[in-house]
N, C-alpha and C. Protein backbone atom coordinates (compact mmCIF):
# COMPACT_ATOMS: atom_id res chain seq x y z
N MET A 1 170.18 9.39 -97.35
CA MET A 1 170.62 10.28 -96.34
C MET A 1 169.00 10.68 -95.73
N ASP A 2 168.71 11.38 -94.63
CA ASP A 2 167.95 11.22 -93.65
C ASP A 2 167.11 12.54 -93.48
N ARG A 3 165.71 12.95 -93.41
CA ARG A 3 164.75 13.19 -94.01
C ARG A 3 164.86 14.51 -93.13
N LEU A 4 165.02 15.90 -93.28
CA LEU A 4 164.81 16.98 -92.64
C LEU A 4 163.14 17.29 -92.39
N ASP A 5 163.18 17.54 -91.14
CA ASP A 5 161.72 17.84 -90.80
C ASP A 5 161.38 19.47 -90.98
N LEU A 6 162.15 20.00 -91.79
CA LEU A 6 161.44 21.51 -92.15
C LEU A 6 160.48 21.56 -92.36
N PRO A 7 159.44 23.01 -91.49
CA PRO A 7 158.12 23.67 -93.32
C PRO A 7 157.99 23.86 -93.77
N VAL A 8 157.38 22.65 -94.99
CA VAL A 8 157.48 22.50 -96.70
C VAL A 8 157.55 24.12 -96.66
N ASN A 9 157.66 25.08 -97.04
CA ASN A 9 158.16 26.91 -97.46
C ASN A 9 158.68 26.64 -97.10
N LEU A 10 159.75 26.74 -96.20
CA LEU A 10 161.42 26.26 -95.99
C LEU A 10 162.22 25.23 -96.74
N ALA A 11 161.54 24.45 -96.87
CA ALA A 11 162.55 23.61 -97.39
C ALA A 11 162.42 23.89 -99.18
N SER A 12 161.32 23.96 -99.64
CA SER A 12 161.13 24.44 -101.20
C SER A 12 161.20 25.76 -101.55
N GLY A 13 161.68 26.95 -100.27
CA GLY A 13 162.16 27.70 -101.16
C GLY A 13 160.57 28.47 -101.37
N VAL A 14 159.34 28.47 -101.30
CA VAL A 14 158.39 28.98 -101.72
C VAL A 14 157.93 29.94 -100.66
N ALA A 15 157.70 31.41 -100.53
CA ALA A 15 157.41 32.68 -99.98
C ALA A 15 156.33 32.47 -98.96
N ARG A 16 156.88 32.88 -98.17
CA ARG A 16 155.73 33.44 -97.15
C ARG A 16 155.29 34.66 -96.64
N MET A 17 153.63 34.42 -96.74
CA MET A 17 153.11 36.31 -97.07
C MET A 17 152.45 35.95 -95.47
N GLU A 18 152.74 36.89 -95.08
CA GLU A 18 151.79 38.06 -93.93
C GLU A 18 150.67 38.74 -94.25
N LEU A 19 149.94 39.26 -93.54
CA LEU A 19 148.30 40.56 -94.04
C LEU A 19 148.33 40.40 -93.12
N LEU A 20 147.90 41.66 -92.24
CA LEU A 20 147.57 42.76 -90.70
C LEU A 20 146.43 42.93 -91.95
N GLY A 21 145.49 43.17 -91.41
CA GLY A 21 144.18 43.07 -92.37
C GLY A 21 144.39 44.32 -93.38
N ASN A 22 143.53 44.95 -93.66
CA ASN A 22 143.49 45.52 -95.31
C ASN A 22 145.19 45.87 -95.37
N ARG A 23 145.10 46.67 -94.74
CA ARG A 23 146.54 48.30 -94.64
C ARG A 23 147.69 47.55 -95.09
N SER A 24 148.61 46.57 -94.39
CA SER A 24 149.61 46.09 -94.94
C SER A 24 150.73 45.02 -95.34
N LEU A 25 151.56 44.66 -95.53
CA LEU A 25 151.70 42.87 -96.13
C LEU A 25 153.02 43.01 -96.25
N TYR A 26 153.61 41.46 -95.47
CA TYR A 26 154.56 41.18 -95.24
C TYR A 26 154.93 39.91 -96.76
N ILE A 27 156.45 39.58 -97.23
CA ILE A 27 156.80 39.01 -98.33
C ILE A 27 157.95 38.46 -97.77
N ASP A 28 158.11 37.23 -97.30
CA ASP A 28 159.96 37.26 -96.98
C ASP A 28 160.01 35.87 -98.32
N ARG A 29 161.56 36.20 -98.22
CA ARG A 29 161.66 34.77 -99.29
C ARG A 29 161.24 35.64 -100.93
N HIS A 30 160.93 36.74 -101.38
CA HIS A 30 160.40 37.38 -102.48
C HIS A 30 161.61 37.42 -102.96
N ARG A 31 161.74 37.56 -105.06
CA ARG A 31 161.78 37.33 -105.97
C ARG A 31 161.82 38.21 -106.41
N GLY A 32 161.75 39.83 -106.26
CA GLY A 32 161.69 40.59 -106.62
C GLY A 32 160.61 41.47 -107.08
N VAL A 33 160.55 42.23 -107.51
CA VAL A 33 159.57 43.28 -108.22
C VAL A 33 159.01 43.62 -109.48
N LEU A 34 158.52 43.24 -109.76
CA LEU A 34 158.12 42.79 -111.63
C LEU A 34 157.68 44.51 -111.46
N ALA A 35 156.61 44.64 -111.38
CA ALA A 35 155.69 46.48 -111.74
C ALA A 35 155.42 46.81 -109.36
N TYR A 36 155.56 48.19 -109.84
CA TYR A 36 155.07 48.90 -108.68
C TYR A 36 154.11 50.09 -109.40
N SER A 37 152.68 50.46 -108.88
CA SER A 37 152.01 51.38 -109.00
C SER A 37 151.89 51.45 -107.03
N ALA A 38 151.40 52.98 -107.74
CA ALA A 38 149.96 53.51 -106.45
C ALA A 38 148.70 52.03 -106.06
N GLU A 39 148.60 51.60 -106.65
CA GLU A 39 147.19 50.88 -108.08
C GLU A 39 147.92 49.04 -107.88
N ALA A 40 148.92 49.00 -107.69
CA ALA A 40 148.91 47.06 -107.85
C ALA A 40 150.52 47.31 -108.07
N VAL A 41 151.71 46.43 -107.10
CA VAL A 41 152.43 45.83 -107.34
C VAL A 41 152.88 44.68 -107.48
N ASP A 42 153.29 43.88 -108.29
CA ASP A 42 153.42 42.77 -108.84
C ASP A 42 155.27 42.03 -107.88
N ILE A 43 154.51 41.23 -107.41
CA ILE A 43 155.68 40.82 -106.61
C ILE A 43 156.14 38.68 -107.61
N ASN A 44 157.36 39.00 -108.21
CA ASN A 44 157.96 37.01 -108.19
C ASN A 44 158.56 36.57 -106.55
N ALA A 45 157.40 35.81 -106.69
CA ALA A 45 157.07 34.79 -105.87
C ALA A 45 157.68 33.17 -105.89
N GLY A 46 158.42 33.58 -107.05
CA GLY A 46 158.98 32.14 -106.84
C GLY A 46 158.99 31.33 -108.51
N THR A 47 157.48 30.72 -107.77
CA THR A 47 156.70 29.27 -107.99
C THR A 47 154.89 30.26 -108.95
N VAL A 48 154.09 31.28 -108.10
CA VAL A 48 153.45 32.52 -108.55
C VAL A 48 154.22 33.91 -108.44
N VAL A 49 153.12 34.68 -109.02
CA VAL A 49 153.09 36.39 -109.20
C VAL A 49 152.47 36.32 -107.96
N VAL A 50 152.96 37.00 -107.34
CA VAL A 50 151.80 37.63 -106.12
C VAL A 50 151.11 39.34 -106.84
N ARG A 51 150.37 39.62 -106.92
CA ARG A 51 149.77 40.32 -107.88
C ARG A 51 148.40 41.67 -106.72
N VAL A 52 148.94 42.84 -105.84
CA VAL A 52 148.51 42.57 -105.20
C VAL A 52 147.71 44.39 -105.95
N GLN A 53 146.61 44.88 -105.42
CA GLN A 53 145.63 45.61 -106.06
C GLN A 53 145.12 46.64 -104.51
N GLY A 54 145.10 47.41 -105.29
CA GLY A 54 144.38 48.93 -103.98
C GLY A 54 144.64 50.23 -103.97
N GLU A 55 145.07 51.04 -102.97
CA GLU A 55 145.10 52.47 -103.54
C GLU A 55 146.39 52.82 -101.68
N GLY A 56 146.47 53.89 -102.55
CA GLY A 56 148.19 54.65 -101.66
C GLY A 56 148.95 53.42 -101.76
N LEU A 57 149.04 52.59 -102.25
CA LEU A 57 150.50 50.84 -102.07
C LEU A 57 151.83 51.64 -102.36
N GLU A 58 152.17 51.15 -101.39
CA GLU A 58 153.85 52.50 -100.49
C GLU A 58 154.75 50.87 -100.27
N LEU A 59 155.72 51.14 -101.37
CA LEU A 59 157.02 49.49 -100.63
C LEU A 59 157.52 51.04 -99.92
N VAL A 60 157.46 50.24 -99.05
CA VAL A 60 158.06 50.51 -97.37
C VAL A 60 159.14 49.64 -96.69
N VAL A 61 159.28 48.94 -96.93
CA VAL A 61 160.56 48.52 -97.02
C VAL A 61 161.11 47.67 -98.01
N MET A 62 162.48 47.41 -98.06
CA MET A 62 162.67 46.25 -99.10
C MET A 62 164.23 45.98 -99.16
N THR A 63 164.26 44.78 -99.42
CA THR A 63 165.70 44.12 -99.15
C THR A 63 165.25 42.76 -100.06
N ASP A 64 166.67 42.35 -99.86
CA ASP A 64 167.00 40.88 -100.82
C ASP A 64 165.82 40.02 -100.64
N GLU A 65 165.21 40.14 -99.46
CA GLU A 65 164.50 38.64 -99.27
C GLU A 65 163.83 39.69 -98.51
N GLU A 66 163.09 40.24 -97.98
CA GLU A 66 161.97 40.47 -97.66
C GLU A 66 161.05 41.65 -98.48
N LEU A 67 160.06 41.68 -97.95
CA LEU A 67 159.13 43.90 -99.18
C LEU A 67 157.69 44.45 -98.10
N ARG A 68 157.28 45.26 -97.58
CA ARG A 68 156.66 45.33 -97.33
C ARG A 68 155.98 46.18 -97.77
N ILE A 69 154.72 46.06 -97.66
CA ILE A 69 153.38 47.14 -98.43
C ILE A 69 152.58 47.58 -98.18
N ASN A 70 152.45 48.82 -97.79
CA ASN A 70 151.65 49.54 -96.91
C ASN A 70 149.92 50.23 -97.68
N GLY A 71 149.02 50.40 -97.41
CA GLY A 71 148.43 51.20 -98.34
C GLY A 71 146.93 50.18 -98.06
N VAL A 72 145.81 51.14 -98.98
CA VAL A 72 144.74 49.79 -98.97
C VAL A 72 145.09 49.45 -99.59
N ILE A 73 144.15 47.62 -99.11
CA ILE A 73 144.95 46.51 -100.07
C ILE A 73 143.60 46.11 -100.33
N ARG A 74 143.02 45.74 -101.61
CA ARG A 74 141.67 45.92 -101.58
C ARG A 74 142.07 43.95 -102.23
N GLN A 75 143.32 43.76 -102.87
CA GLN A 75 142.80 42.09 -103.31
C GLN A 75 144.22 41.69 -103.56
N LEU A 76 144.26 40.66 -103.28
CA LEU A 76 145.49 40.26 -103.48
C LEU A 76 145.16 38.22 -104.56
N ARG A 77 146.24 38.56 -105.69
CA ARG A 77 145.77 37.00 -106.93
C ARG A 77 147.86 36.55 -106.93
N LEU A 78 147.13 35.78 -107.03
CA LEU A 78 148.22 34.25 -107.63
C LEU A 78 148.08 34.53 -108.69
N VAL A 79 149.30 34.23 -109.22
CA VAL A 79 149.07 34.34 -110.87
C VAL A 79 149.68 33.34 -111.12
N GLU A 80 149.77 31.86 -111.97
CA GLU A 80 150.18 31.38 -112.64
C GLU A 80 151.04 31.82 -113.72
């Protein structure tokens, strides 16, 4: 079988994250929100949990494949 030249994150199903300053986080290919408050959001990203901490956090977009969090983002942690 021939090997496809796909980016690693597409081939392995890993979530893709994009942080815009400290005000907006976009996550593609997530697997659900585990916990949510205005100060912390835990997101299942497959092999890790993405823990977002800050102030006034809001889930402004959430679909089966993507989500966007707005607010003042103080910290991002990847928890295995």
